[in-house]
Amino acid sequence: LAVISAATFYFLIPDNYFDSFPFMMLMFPAVSVITHNLLLRSALKSLAKFNIAFMLSFIIKLFVYLAVSATIISLETEHKAVFVISVLILYIVYTVFDVKMILDDIKKLNPKDS
């Protein structure tokens, strides 16, 4: 993802690169790893706790991403549209990846249920 993004900004849209992009490339995986670990811990306790934690994790991640994005948009004087599109793409990619990974891990924890 980082290589594709770097190539896109370097070759296709070099004038639209924004300074906070490396931070975004670090923030999304960091938040994903933290929530993934918390979800795995809740899955070990009970299915009911996992379901609650799963829904809460998406809400919390959404609010974190919105808060960080709002802060960066208020500070970023140029390239707001490119920033919003980049955040949207990163959110979709990491959400799909997060769901796939947690479902795979839950299946490994409960092989009789799959």
PDB file of N, CA and C in Angstrom:
ATOM      1  N   LEU A   1       0.830  -1.195   0.000  1.00  0.00           N
ATOM      2  CA  LEU A   1       0.000   0.000   0.000  1.00  0.00           C
ATOM      3  C   LEU A   1       0.872   1.256   0.000  1.00  0.00           C
ATOM      4  N   ALA A   2       1.934   1.220   0.790  1.00  0.00           N
ATOM      5  CA  ALA A   2       2.839   2.368   0.836  1.00  0.00           C
ATOM      6  C   ALA A   2       3.552   2.570  -0.495  1.00  0.00           C
ATOM      7  N   VAL A   3       3.945   1.479  -1.139  1.00  0.00           N
ATOM      8  CA  VAL A   3       4.632   1.577  -2.425  1.00  0.00           C
ATOM      9  C   VAL A   3       3.691   2.121  -3.496  1.00  0.00           C
ATOM     10  N   ILE A   4       2.464   1.621  -3.505  1.00  0.00           N
ATOM     11  CA  ILE A   4       1.479   2.109  -4.477  1.00  0.00           C
ATOM     12  C   ILE A   4       1.197   3.590  -4.241  1.00  0.00           C
ATOM     13  N   SER A   5       1.050   3.970  -2.987  1.00  0.00           N
ATOM     14  CA  SER A   5       0.781   5.376  -2.659  1.00  0.00           C
ATOM     15  C   SER A   5       1.953   6.266  -3.041  1.00  0.00           C
ATOM     16  N   ALA A   6       3.156   5.818  -2.721  1.00  0.00           N
ATOM     17  CA  ALA A   6       4.342   6.609  -3.060  1.00  0.00           C
ATOM     18  C   ALA A   6       4.473   6.771  -4.568  1.00  0.00           C
ATOM     19  N   ALA A   7       4.242   5.692  -5.308  1.00  0.00           N
ATOM     20  CA  ALA A   7       4.326   5.778  -6.767  1.00  0.00           C
ATOM     21  C   ALA A   7       3.252   6.708  -7.330  1.00  0.00           C
ATOM     22  N   THR A   8       2.064   6.633  -6.761  1.00  0.00           N
ATOM     23  CA  THR A   8       0.980   7.500  -7.219  1.00  0.00           C
ATOM     24  C   THR A   8       1.323   8.970  -6.997  1.00  0.00           C
ATOM     25  N   PHE A   9       1.794   9.276  -5.786  1.00  0.00           N
ATOM     26  CA  PHE A   9       2.124  10.671  -5.502  1.00  0.00           C
ATOM     27  C   PHE A   9       3.364  11.138  -6.260  1.00  0.00           C
ATOM     28  N   TYR A  10       4.297  10.240  -6.517  1.00  0.00           N
ATOM     29  CA  TYR A  10       5.532  10.649  -7.185  1.00  0.00           C
ATOM     30  C   TYR A  10       5.344  10.791  -8.693  1.00  0.00           C
ATOM     31  N   PHE A  11       4.646   9.826  -9.305  1.00  0.00           N
ATOM     32  CA  PHE A  11       4.545   9.821 -10.760  1.00  0.00           C
ATOM     33  C   PHE A  11       3.254  10.444 -11.289  1.00  0.00           C
ATOM     34  N   LEU A  12       2.132  10.180 -10.648  1.00  0.00           N
ATOM     35  CA  LEU A  12       0.849  10.612 -11.205  1.00  0.00           C
ATOM     36  C   LEU A  12       0.388  11.986 -10.719  1.00  0.00           C
ATOM     37  N   ILE A  13       0.488  12.210  -9.414  1.00  0.00           N
ATOM     38  CA  ILE A  13      -0.007  13.482  -8.872  1.00  0.00           C
ATOM     39  C   ILE A  13       1.011  14.100  -7.914  1.00  0.00           C
ATOM     40  N   PRO A  14       2.197  14.428  -8.401  1.00  0.00           N
ATOM     41  CA  PRO A  14       3.235  14.944  -7.507  1.00  0.00           C
ATOM     42  C   PRO A  14       2.879  16.292  -6.867  1.00  0.00           C
ATOM     43  N   ASP A  15       2.067  17.078  -7.528  1.00  0.00           N
ATOM     44  CA  ASP A  15       1.698  18.391  -6.982  1.00  0.00           C
ATOM     45  C   ASP A  15       0.676  18.294  -5.862  1.00  0.00           C
ATOM     46  N   ASN A  16       0.068  17.126  -5.657  1.00  0.00           N
ATOM     47  CA  ASN A  16      -0.982  16.969  -4.655  1.00  0.00           C
ATOM     48  C   ASN A  16      -0.528  16.240  -3.394  1.00  0.00           C
ATOM     49  N   TYR A  17       0.761  15.982  -3.273  1.00  0.00           N
ATOM     50  CA  TYR A  17       1.261  15.318  -2.072  1.00  0.00           C
ATOM     51  C   TYR A  17       1.069  16.243  -0.871  1.00  0.00           C
ATOM     52  N   PHE A  18       0.615  15.677   0.248  1.00  0.00           N
ATOM     53  CA  PHE A  18       0.444  16.468   1.472  1.00  0.00           C
ATOM     54  C   PHE A  18       1.353  15.901   2.557  1.00  0.00           C
ATOM     55  N   ASP A  19       1.834  16.784   3.415  1.00  0.00           N
ATOM     56  CA  ASP A  19       2.867  16.442   4.398  1.00  0.00           C
ATOM     57  C   ASP A  19       2.423  15.425   5.440  1.00  0.00           C
ATOM     58  N   SER A  20       1.148  15.341   5.721  1.00  0.00           N
ATOM     59  CA  SER A  20       0.669  14.432   6.760  1.00  0.00           C
ATOM     60  C   SER A  20       0.423  13.009   6.257  1.00  0.00           C
ATOM     61  N   PHE A  21       0.709  12.743   4.989  1.00  0.00           N
ATOM     62  CA  PHE A  21       0.460  11.410   4.455  1.00  0.00           C
ATOM     63  C   PHE A  21       1.276  10.317   5.157  1.00  0.00           C
ATOM     64  N   PRO A  22       2.558  10.518   5.430  1.00  0.00           N
ATOM     65  CA  PRO A  22       3.292   9.467   6.158  1.00  0.00           C
ATOM     66  C   PRO A  22       2.677   9.164   7.528  1.00  0.00           C
ATOM     67  N   PHE A  23       2.177  10.186   8.197  1.00  0.00           N
ATOM     68  CA  PHE A  23       1.496   9.968   9.485  1.00  0.00           C
ATOM     69  C   PHE A  23       0.264   9.087   9.291  1.00  0.00           C
ATOM     70  N   MET A  24      -0.489   9.343   8.237  1.00  0.00           N
ATOM     71  CA  MET A  24      -1.683   8.541   7.968  1.00  0.00           C
ATOM     72  C   MET A  24      -1.304   7.085   7.675  1.00  0.00           C
ATOM     73  N   MET A  25      -0.196   6.907   6.964  1.00  0.00           N
ATOM     74  CA  MET A  25       0.258   5.552   6.646  1.00  0.00           C
ATOM     75  C   MET A  25       0.724   4.799   7.896  1.00  0.00           C
ATOM     76  N   LEU A  26       1.076   5.512   8.940  1.00  0.00           N
ATOM     77  CA  LEU A  26       1.451   4.879  10.209  1.00  0.00           C
ATOM     78  C   LEU A  26       0.262   4.725  11.139  1.00  0.00           C
ATOM     79  N   MET A  27      -0.651   5.687  11.115  1.00  0.00           N
ATOM     80  CA  MET A  27      -1.777   5.671  12.041  1.00  0.00           C
ATOM     81  C   MET A  27      -2.737   4.509  11.762  1.00  0.00           C
ATOM     82  N   PHE A  28      -3.088   4.292  10.515  1.00  0.00           N
ATOM     83  CA  PHE A  28      -4.063   3.252  10.197  1.00  0.00           C
ATOM     84  C   PHE A  28      -3.591   1.861  10.630  1.00  0.00           C
ATOM     85  N   PRO A  29      -2.370   1.446  10.307  1.00  0.00           N
ATOM     86  CA  PRO A  29      -1.956   0.123  10.789  1.00  0.00           C
ATOM     87  C   PRO A  29      -1.823   0.054  12.309  1.00  0.00           C
ATOM     88  N   ALA A  30      -1.389   1.140  12.936  1.00  0.00           N
ATOM     89  CA  ALA A  30      -1.258   1.136  14.399  1.00  0.00           C
ATOM     90  C   ALA A  30      -2.612   0.941  15.065  1.00  0.00           C
ATOM     91  N   VAL A  31      -3.607   1.670  14.617  1.00  0.00           N
ATOM     92  CA  VAL A  31      -4.957   1.528  15.177  1.00  0.00           C
ATOM     93  C   VAL A  31      -5.493   0.124  14.895  1.00  0.00           C
ATOM     94  N   SER A  32      -5.219  -0.400  13.722  1.00  0.00           N
ATOM     95  CA  SER A  32      -5.681  -1.747  13.371  1.00  0.00           C
ATOM     96  C   SER A  32      -5.061  -2.810  14.263  1.00  0.00           C
ATOM     97  N   VAL A  33      -3.783  -2.699  14.519  1.00  0.00           N
ATOM     98  CA  VAL A  33      -3.104  -3.691  15.370  1.00  0.00           C
ATOM     99  C   VAL A  33      -3.649  -3.635  16.795  1.00  0.00           C
ATOM    100  N   ILE A  34      -3.825  -2.443  17.305  1.00  0.00           N
ATOM    101  CA  ILE A  34      -4.340  -2.293  18.678  1.00  0.00           C
ATOM    102  C   ILE A  34      -5.742  -2.882  18.796  1.00  0.00           C
ATOM    103  N   THR A  35      -6.619  -2.523  17.882  1.00  0.00           N
ATOM    104  CA  THR A  35      -7.999  -3.031  17.975  1.00  0.00           C
ATOM    105  C   THR A  35      -8.052  -4.532  17.704  1.00  0.00           C
ATOM    106  N   HIS A  36      -7.197  -5.017  16.826  1.00  0.00           N
ATOM    107  CA  HIS A  36      -7.171  -6.456  16.544  1.00  0.00           C
ATOM    108  C   HIS A  36      -6.791  -7.240  17.807  1.00  0.00           C
ATOM    109  N   ASN A  37      -5.784  -6.768  18.503  1.00  0.00           N
ATOM    110  CA  ASN A  37      -5.373  -7.439  19.742  1.00  0.00           C
ATOM    111  C   ASN A  37      -6.481  -7.402  20.793  1.00  0.00           C
ATOM    112  N   LEU A  38      -7.149  -6.269  20.920  1.00  0.00           N
ATOM    113  CA  LEU A  38      -8.251  -6.169  21.877  1.00  0.00           C
ATOM    114  C   LEU A  38      -9.405  -7.104  21.498  1.00  0.00           C
ATOM    115  N   LEU A  39      -9.685  -7.212  20.212  1.00  0.00           N
ATOM    116  CA  LEU A  39     -10.752  -8.109  19.765  1.00  0.00           C
ATOM    117  C   LEU A  39     -10.397  -9.569  20.023  1.00  0.00           C
ATOM    118  N   LEU A  40      -9.139  -9.927  19.807  1.00  0.00           N
ATOM    119  CA  LEU A  40      -8.736 -11.305  20.085  1.00  0.00           C
ATOM    120  C   LEU A  40      -8.853 -11.635  21.568  1.00  0.00           C
ATOM    121  N   ARG A  41      -8.487 -10.690  22.407  1.00  0.00           N
ATOM    122  CA  ARG A  41      -8.634 -10.903  23.859  1.00  0.00           C
ATOM    123  C   ARG A  41     -10.097 -11.082  24.243  1.00  0.00           C
ATOM    124  N   SER A  42     -10.970 -10.271  23.667  1.00  0.00           N
ATOM    125  CA  SER A  42     -12.395 -10.403  23.994  1.00  0.00           C
ATOM    126  C   SER A  42     -12.969 -11.699  23.437  1.00  0.00           C
ATOM    127  N   ALA A  43     -12.464 -12.160  22.310  1.00  0.00           N
ATOM    128  CA  ALA A  43     -12.952 -13.414  21.727  1.00  0.00           C
ATOM    129  C   ALA A  43     -12.580 -14.604  22.595  1.00  0.00           C
ATOM    130  N   LEU A  44     -11.465 -14.515  23.290  1.00  0.00           N
ATOM    131  CA  LEU A  44     -11.058 -15.601  24.180  1.00  0.00           C
ATOM    132  C   LEU A  44     -11.969 -15.697  25.404  1.00  0.00           C
ATOM    133  N   LYS A  45     -12.578 -14.580  25.783  1.00  0.00           N
ATOM    134  CA  LYS A  45     -13.450 -14.569  26.961  1.00  0.00           C
ATOM    135  C   LYS A  45     -14.814 -15.165  26.645  1.00  0.00           C
ATOM    136  N   SER A  46     -15.510 -14.579  25.682  1.00  0.00           N
ATOM    137  CA  SER A  46     -16.821 -15.116  25.299  1.00  0.00           C
ATOM    138  C   SER A  46     -17.259 -14.490  23.981  1.00  0.00           C
ATOM    139  N   LEU A  47     -18.177 -15.177  23.322  1.00  0.00           N
ATOM    140  CA  LEU A  47     -18.693 -14.691  22.047  1.00  0.00           C
ATOM    141  C   LEU A  47     -19.492 -13.404  22.227  1.00  0.00           C
ATOM    142  N   ALA A  48     -20.211 -13.294  23.332  1.00  0.00           N
ATOM    143  CA  ALA A  48     -21.002 -12.083  23.590  1.00  0.00           C
ATOM    144  C   ALA A  48     -20.081 -10.872  23.764  1.00  0.00           C
ATOM    145  N   LYS A  49     -18.988 -11.048  24.511  1.00  0.00           N
ATOM    146  CA  LYS A  49     -18.045  -9.938  24.687  1.00  0.00           C
ATOM    147  C   LYS A  49     -17.365  -9.586  23.380  1.00  0.00           C
ATOM    148  N   PHE A  50     -17.091 -10.604  22.564  1.00  0.00           N
ATOM    149  CA  PHE A  50     -16.486 -10.332  21.264  1.00  0.00           C
ATOM    150  C   PHE A  50     -17.422  -9.505  20.391  1.00  0.00           C
ATOM    151  N   ASN A  51     -18.694  -9.868  20.341  1.00  0.00           N
ATOM    152  CA  ASN A  51     -19.647  -9.132  19.508  1.00  0.00           C
ATOM    153  C   ASN A  51     -19.741  -7.666  19.919  1.00  0.00           C
ATOM    154  N   ILE A  52     -19.794  -7.420  21.210  1.00  0.00           N
ATOM    155  CA  ILE A  52     -19.849  -6.040  21.698  1.00  0.00           C
ATOM    156  C   ILE A  52     -18.546  -5.313  21.359  1.00  0.00           C
ATOM    157  N   ALA A  53     -17.419  -5.968  21.610  1.00  0.00           N
ATOM    158  CA  ALA A  53     -16.116  -5.353  21.327  1.00  0.00           C
ATOM    159  C   ALA A  53     -15.934  -5.091  19.837  1.00  0.00           C
ATOM    160  N   PHE A  54     -16.438  -5.988  18.999  1.00  0.00           N
ATOM    161  CA  PHE A  54     -16.327  -5.834  17.549  1.00  0.00           C
ATOM    162  C   PHE A  54     -17.048  -4.573  17.086  1.00  0.00           C
ATOM    163  N   MET A  55     -18.273  -4.390  17.530  1.00  0.00           N
ATOM    164  CA  MET A  55     -19.037  -3.204  17.140  1.00  0.00           C
ATOM    165  C   MET A  55     -18.430  -1.930  17.727  1.00  0.00           C
ATOM    166  N   LEU A  56     -18.022  -1.999  18.980  1.00  0.00           N
ATOM    167  CA  LEU A  56     -17.400  -0.829  19.604  1.00  0.00           C
ATOM    168  C   LEU A  56     -16.087  -0.451  18.923  1.00  0.00           C
ATOM    169  N   SER A  57     -15.343  -1.451  18.487  1.00  0.00           N
ATOM    170  CA  SER A  57     -14.063  -1.149  17.839  1.00  0.00           C
ATOM    171  C   SER A  57     -14.272  -0.346  16.559  1.00  0.00           C
ATOM    172  N   PHE A  58     -15.310  -0.668  15.796  1.00  0.00           N
ATOM    173  CA  PHE A  58     -15.566   0.091  14.576  1.00  0.00           C
ATOM    174  C   PHE A  58     -16.004   1.514  14.895  1.00  0.00           C
ATOM    175  N   ILE A  59     -16.809   1.671  15.906  1.00  0.00           N
ATOM    176  CA  ILE A  59     -17.246   3.015  16.285  1.00  0.00           C
ATOM    177  C   ILE A  59     -16.065   3.843  16.786  1.00  0.00           C
ATOM    178  N   ILE A  60     -15.246   3.248  17.635  1.00  0.00           N
ATOM    179  CA  ILE A  60     -14.088   3.964  18.179  1.00  0.00           C
ATOM    180  C   ILE A  60     -13.101   4.315  17.073  1.00  0.00           C
ATOM    181  N   LYS A  61     -12.826   3.356  16.181  1.00  0.00           N
ATOM    182  CA  LYS A  61     -11.909   3.646  15.077  1.00  0.00           C
ATOM    183  C   LYS A  61     -12.454   4.772  14.198  1.00  0.00           C
ATOM    184  N   LEU A  62     -13.736   4.738  13.929  1.00  0.00           N
ATOM    185  CA  LEU A  62     -14.333   5.777  13.104  1.00  0.00           C
ATOM    186  C   LEU A  62     -14.171   7.152  13.753  1.00  0.00           C
ATOM    187  N   PHE A  63     -14.428   7.232  15.058  1.00  0.00           N
ATOM    188  CA  PHE A  63     -14.263   8.509  15.753  1.00  0.00           C
ATOM    189  C   PHE A  63     -12.802   8.951  15.799  1.00  0.00           C
ATOM    190  N   VAL A  64     -11.886   8.021  15.992  1.00  0.00           N
ATOM    191  CA  VAL A  64     -10.459   8.373  15.995  1.00  0.00           C
ATOM    192  C   VAL A  64     -10.056   8.906  14.630  1.00  0.00           C
ATOM    193  N   TYR A  65     -10.446   8.182  13.578  1.00  0.00           N
ATOM    194  CA  TYR A  65     -10.101   8.631  12.231  1.00  0.00           C
ATOM    195  C   TYR A  65     -10.740   9.984  11.908  1.00  0.00           C
ATOM    196  N   LEU A  66     -11.977  10.172  12.335  1.00  0.00           N
ATOM    197  CA  LEU A  66     -12.636  11.457  12.086  1.00  0.00           C
ATOM    198  C   LEU A  66     -11.970  12.597  12.843  1.00  0.00           C
ATOM    199  N   ALA A  67     -11.610  12.351  14.094  1.00  0.00           N
ATOM    200  CA  ALA A  67     -10.960  13.396  14.895  1.00  0.00           C
ATOM    201  C   ALA A  67      -9.595  13.775  14.310  1.00  0.00           C
ATOM    202  N   VAL A  68      -8.817  12.782  13.959  1.00  0.00           N
ATOM    203  CA  VAL A  68      -7.502  13.057  13.372  1.00  0.00           C
ATOM    204  C   VAL A  68      -7.661  13.740  12.020  1.00  0.00           C
ATOM    205  N   SER A  69      -8.589  13.261  11.221  1.00  0.00           N
ATOM    206  CA  SER A  69      -8.814  13.861   9.908  1.00  0.00           C
ATOM    207  C   SER A  69      -9.293  15.304  10.021  1.00  0.00           C
ATOM    208  N   ALA A  70     -10.195  15.563  10.943  1.00  0.00           N
ATOM    209  CA  ALA A  70     -10.683  16.934  11.129  1.00  0.00           C
ATOM    210  C   ALA A  70      -9.554  17.857  11.564  1.00  0.00           C
ATOM    211  N   THR A  71      -8.697  17.361  12.434  1.00  0.00           N
ATOM    212  CA  THR A  71      -7.555  18.164  12.883  1.00  0.00           C
ATOM    213  C   THR A  71      -6.609  18.454  11.724  1.00  0.00           C
ATOM    214  N   ILE A  72      -6.294  17.441  10.952  1.00  0.00           N
ATOM    215  CA  ILE A  72      -5.377  17.638   9.828  1.00  0.00           C
ATOM    216  C   ILE A  72      -6.001  18.540   8.772  1.00  0.00           C
ATOM    217  N   ILE A  73      -7.291  18.361   8.501  1.00  0.00           N
ATOM    218  CA  ILE A  73      -7.952  19.218   7.510  1.00  0.00           C
ATOM    219  C   ILE A  73      -7.945  20.676   7.961  1.00  0.00           C
ATOM    220  N   SER A  74      -8.120  20.903   9.250  1.00  0.00           N
ATOM    221  CA  SER A  74      -8.100  22.287   9.735  1.00  0.00           C
ATOM    222  C   SER A  74      -6.695  22.892   9.655  1.00  0.00           C
ATOM    223  N   LEU A  75      -5.673  22.063   9.727  1.00  0.00           N
ATOM    224  CA  LEU A  75      -4.292  22.565   9.647  1.00  0.00           C
ATOM    225  C   LEU A  75      -3.755  22.589   8.221  1.00  0.00           C
ATOM    226  N   GLU A  76      -4.253  21.714   7.408  1.00  0.00           N
ATOM    227  CA  GLU A  76      -3.786  21.588   6.020  1.00  0.00           C
ATOM    228  C   GLU A  76      -4.427  22.691   5.183  1.00  0.00           C
ATOM    229  N   THR A  77      -3.617  23.542   4.609  1.00  0.00           N
ATOM    230  CA  THR A  77      -4.167  24.656   3.839  1.00  0.00           C
ATOM    231  C   THR A  77      -4.436  24.272   2.389  1.00  0.00           C
ATOM    232  N   GLU A  78      -3.682  23.314   1.892  1.00  0.00           N
ATOM    233  CA  GLU A  78      -3.873  22.869   0.512  1.00  0.00           C
ATOM    234  C   GLU A  78      -4.176  21.378   0.499  1.00  0.00           C
ATOM    235  N   HIS A  79      -4.598  20.896  -0.628  1.00  0.00           N
ATOM    236  CA  HIS A  79      -4.766  19.463  -0.881  1.00  0.00           C
ATOM    237  C   HIS A  79      -5.812  18.803   0.013  1.00  0.00           C
ATOM    238  N   LYS A  80      -6.854  19.529   0.384  1.00  0.00           N
ATOM    239  CA  LYS A  80      -7.889  18.938   1.245  1.00  0.00           C
ATOM    240  C   LYS A  80      -8.635  17.812   0.545  1.00  0.00           C
ATOM    241  N   ALA A  81      -8.941  17.991  -0.725  1.00  0.00           N
ATOM    242  CA  ALA A  81      -9.675  16.958  -1.462  1.00  0.00           C
ATOM    243  C   ALA A  81      -8.848  15.678  -1.580  1.00  0.00           C
ATOM    244  N   VAL A  82      -7.558  15.820  -1.864  1.00  0.00           N
ATOM    245  CA  VAL A  82      -6.684  14.647  -1.974  1.00  0.00           C
ATOM    246  C   VAL A  82      -6.558  13.964  -0.616  1.00  0.00           C
ATOM    247  N   PHE A  83      -6.502  14.753   0.436  1.00  0.00           N
ATOM    248  CA  PHE A  83      -6.423  14.186   1.781  1.00  0.00           C
ATOM    249  C   PHE A  83      -7.679  13.374   2.095  1.00  0.00           C
ATOM    250  N   VAL A  84      -8.832  13.920   1.824  1.00  0.00           N
ATOM    251  CA  VAL A  84     -10.092  13.219   2.113  1.00  0.00           C
ATOM    252  C   VAL A  84     -10.188  11.930   1.301  1.00  0.00           C
ATOM    253  N   ILE A  85      -9.814  11.987   0.036  1.00  0.00           N
ATOM    254  CA  ILE A  85      -9.839  10.783  -0.800  1.00  0.00           C
ATOM    255  C   ILE A  85      -8.851   9.741  -0.268  1.00  0.00           C
ATOM    256  N   SER A  86      -7.678  10.185   0.151  1.00  0.00           N
ATOM    257  CA  SER A  86      -6.672   9.265   0.699  1.00  0.00           C
ATOM    258  C   SER A  86      -7.168   8.606   1.978  1.00  0.00           C
ATOM    259  N   VAL A  87      -7.775   9.379   2.855  1.00  0.00           N
ATOM    260  CA  VAL A  87      -8.316   8.817   4.101  1.00  0.00           C
ATOM    261  C   VAL A  87      -9.422   7.821   3.794  1.00  0.00           C
ATOM    262  N   LEU A  88     -10.275   8.158   2.867  1.00  0.00           N
ATOM    263  CA  LEU A  88     -11.366   7.252   2.486  1.00  0.00           C
ATOM    264  C   LEU A  88     -10.819   5.930   1.944  1.00  0.00           C
ATOM    265  N   ILE A  89      -9.825   6.007   1.071  1.00  0.00           N
ATOM    266  CA  ILE A  89      -9.226   4.787   0.520  1.00  0.00           C
ATOM    267  C   ILE A  89      -8.559   3.972   1.621  1.00  0.00           C
ATOM    268  N   LEU A  90      -7.790   4.628   2.480  1.00  0.00           N
ATOM    269  CA  LEU A  90      -7.135   3.909   3.578  1.00  0.00           C
ATOM    270  C   LEU A  90      -8.163   3.296   4.523  1.00  0.00           C
ATOM    271  N   TYR A  91      -9.228   4.006   4.809  1.00  0.00           N
ATOM    272  CA  TYR A  91     -10.268   3.475   5.695  1.00  0.00           C
ATOM    273  C   TYR A  91     -10.904   2.222   5.095  1.00  0.00           C
ATOM    274  N   ILE A  92     -11.246   2.267   3.831  1.00  0.00           N
ATOM    275  CA  ILE A  92     -11.869   1.114   3.185  1.00  0.00           C
ATOM    276  C   ILE A  92     -10.906  -0.074   3.156  1.00  0.00           C
ATOM    277  N   VAL A  93      -9.664   0.169   2.755  1.00  0.00           N
ATOM    278  CA  VAL A  93      -8.682  -0.917   2.679  1.00  0.00           C
ATOM    279  C   VAL A  93      -8.461  -1.544   4.045  1.00  0.00           C
ATOM    280  N   TYR A  94      -8.241  -0.726   5.064  1.00  0.00           N
ATOM    281  CA  TYR A  94      -7.964  -1.276   6.394  1.00  0.00           C
ATOM    282  C   TYR A  94      -9.206  -1.883   7.043  1.00  0.00           C
ATOM    283  N   THR A  95     -10.372  -1.393   6.736  1.00  0.00           N
ATOM    284  CA  THR A  95     -11.590  -2.000   7.285  1.00  0.00           C
ATOM    285  C   THR A  95     -11.795  -3.396   6.696  1.00  0.00           C
ATOM    286  N   VAL A  96     -11.642  -3.527   5.397  1.00  0.00           N
ATOM    287  CA  VAL A  96     -11.771  -4.842   4.762  1.00  0.00           C
ATOM    288  C   VAL A  96     -10.708  -5.792   5.307  1.00  0.00           C
ATOM    289  N   PHE A  97      -9.482  -5.303   5.404  1.00  0.00           N
ATOM    290  CA  PHE A  97      -8.384  -6.124   5.932  1.00  0.00           C
ATOM    291  C   PHE A  97      -8.650  -6.533   7.379  1.00  0.00           C
ATOM    292  N   ASP A  98      -9.104  -5.598   8.207  1.00  0.00           N
ATOM    293  CA  ASP A  98      -9.394  -5.893   9.619  1.00  0.00           C
ATOM    294  C   ASP A  98     -10.472  -6.957   9.760  1.00  0.00           C
ATOM    295  N   VAL A  99     -11.542  -6.820   9.008  1.00  0.00           N
ATOM    296  CA  VAL A  99     -12.640  -7.780   9.101  1.00  0.00           C
ATOM    297  C   VAL A  99     -12.171  -9.159   8.654  1.00  0.00           C
ATOM    298  N   LYS A 100     -11.440  -9.216   7.556  1.00  0.00           N
ATOM    299  CA  LYS A 100     -10.935 -10.499   7.059  1.00  0.00           C
ATOM    300  C   LYS A 100     -10.022 -11.158   8.086  1.00  0.00           C
ATOM    301  N   MET A 101      -9.112 -10.397   8.663  1.00  0.00           N
ATOM    302  CA  MET A 101      -8.153 -10.963   9.621  1.00  0.00           C
ATOM    303  C   MET A 101      -8.841 -11.421  10.901  1.00  0.00           C
ATOM    304  N   ILE A 102      -9.766 -10.644  11.422  1.00  0.00           N
ATOM    305  CA  ILE A 102     -10.412 -11.045  12.671  1.00  0.00           C
ATOM    306  C   ILE A 102     -11.307 -12.260  12.444  1.00  0.00           C
ATOM    307  N   LEU A 103     -11.962 -12.343  11.298  1.00  0.00           N
ATOM    308  CA  LEU A 103     -12.781 -13.526  11.008  1.00  0.00           C
ATOM    309  C   LEU A 103     -11.915 -14.779  10.871  1.00  0.00           C
ATOM    310  N   ASP A 104     -10.769 -14.639  10.212  1.00  0.00           N
ATOM    311  CA  ASP A 104      -9.845 -15.780  10.105  1.00  0.00           C
ATOM    312  C   ASP A 104      -9.354 -16.218  11.486  1.00  0.00           C
ATOM    313  N   ASP A 105      -9.026 -15.258  12.331  1.00  0.00           N
ATOM    314  CA  ASP A 105      -8.539 -15.595  13.673  1.00  0.00           C
ATOM    315  C   ASP A 105      -9.633 -16.206  14.537  1.00  0.00           C
ATOM    316  N   ILE A 106     -10.858 -15.732  14.399  1.00  0.00           N
ATOM    317  CA  ILE A 106     -11.973 -16.297  15.170  1.00  0.00           C
ATOM    318  C   ILE A 106     -12.228 -17.740  14.729  1.00  0.00           C
ATOM    319  N   LYS A 107     -12.119 -18.000  13.432  1.00  0.00           N
ATOM    320  CA  LYS A 107     -12.288 -19.371  12.947  1.00  0.00           C
ATOM    321  C   LYS A 107     -11.206 -20.290  13.507  1.00  0.00           C
ATOM    322  N   LYS A 108      -9.988 -19.763  13.659  1.00  0.00           N
ATOM    323  CA  LYS A 108      -8.905 -20.570  14.237  1.00  0.00           C
ATOM    324  C   LYS A 108      -9.142 -20.841  15.719  1.00  0.00           C
ATOM    325  N   LEU A 109      -9.733 -19.863  16.403  1.00  0.00           N
ATOM    326  CA  LEU A 109     -10.004 -20.040  17.835  1.00  0.00           C
ATOM    327  C   LEU A 109     -11.146 -21.013  18.073  1.00  0.00           C
ATOM    328  N   ASN A 110     -12.119 -21.032  17.173  1.00  0.00           N
ATOM    329  CA  ASN A 110     -13.310 -21.888  17.316  1.00  0.00           C
ATOM    330  C   ASN A 110     -13.477 -22.755  16.063  1.00  0.00           C
ATOM    331  N   PRO A 111     -12.615 -23.748  15.859  1.00  0.00           N
ATOM    332  CA  PRO A 111     -12.705 -24.529  14.622  1.00  0.00           C
ATOM    333  C   PRO A 111     -13.992 -25.349  14.504  1.00  0.00           C
ATOM    334  N   LYS A 112     -14.623 -25.674  15.599  1.00  0.00           N
ATOM    335  CA  LYS A 112     -15.850 -26.479  15.536  1.00  0.00           C
ATOM    336  C   LYS A 112     -17.039 -25.676  15.035  1.00  0.00           C
ATOM    337  N   ASP A 113     -16.972 -24.316  15.130  1.00  0.00           N
ATOM    338  CA  ASP A 113     -18.092 -23.474  14.713  1.00  0.00           C
ATOM    339  C   ASP A 113     -18.070 -23.162  13.216  1.00  0.00           C
ATOM    340  N   SER A 114     -16.970 -23.421  12.524  1.00  0.00           N
ATOM    341  CA  SER A 114     -16.887 -23.032  11.116  1.00  0.00           C
ATOM    342  C   SER A 114     -17.349 -24.105  10.182  1.00  0.00           C
TER     343      SER A 114
END
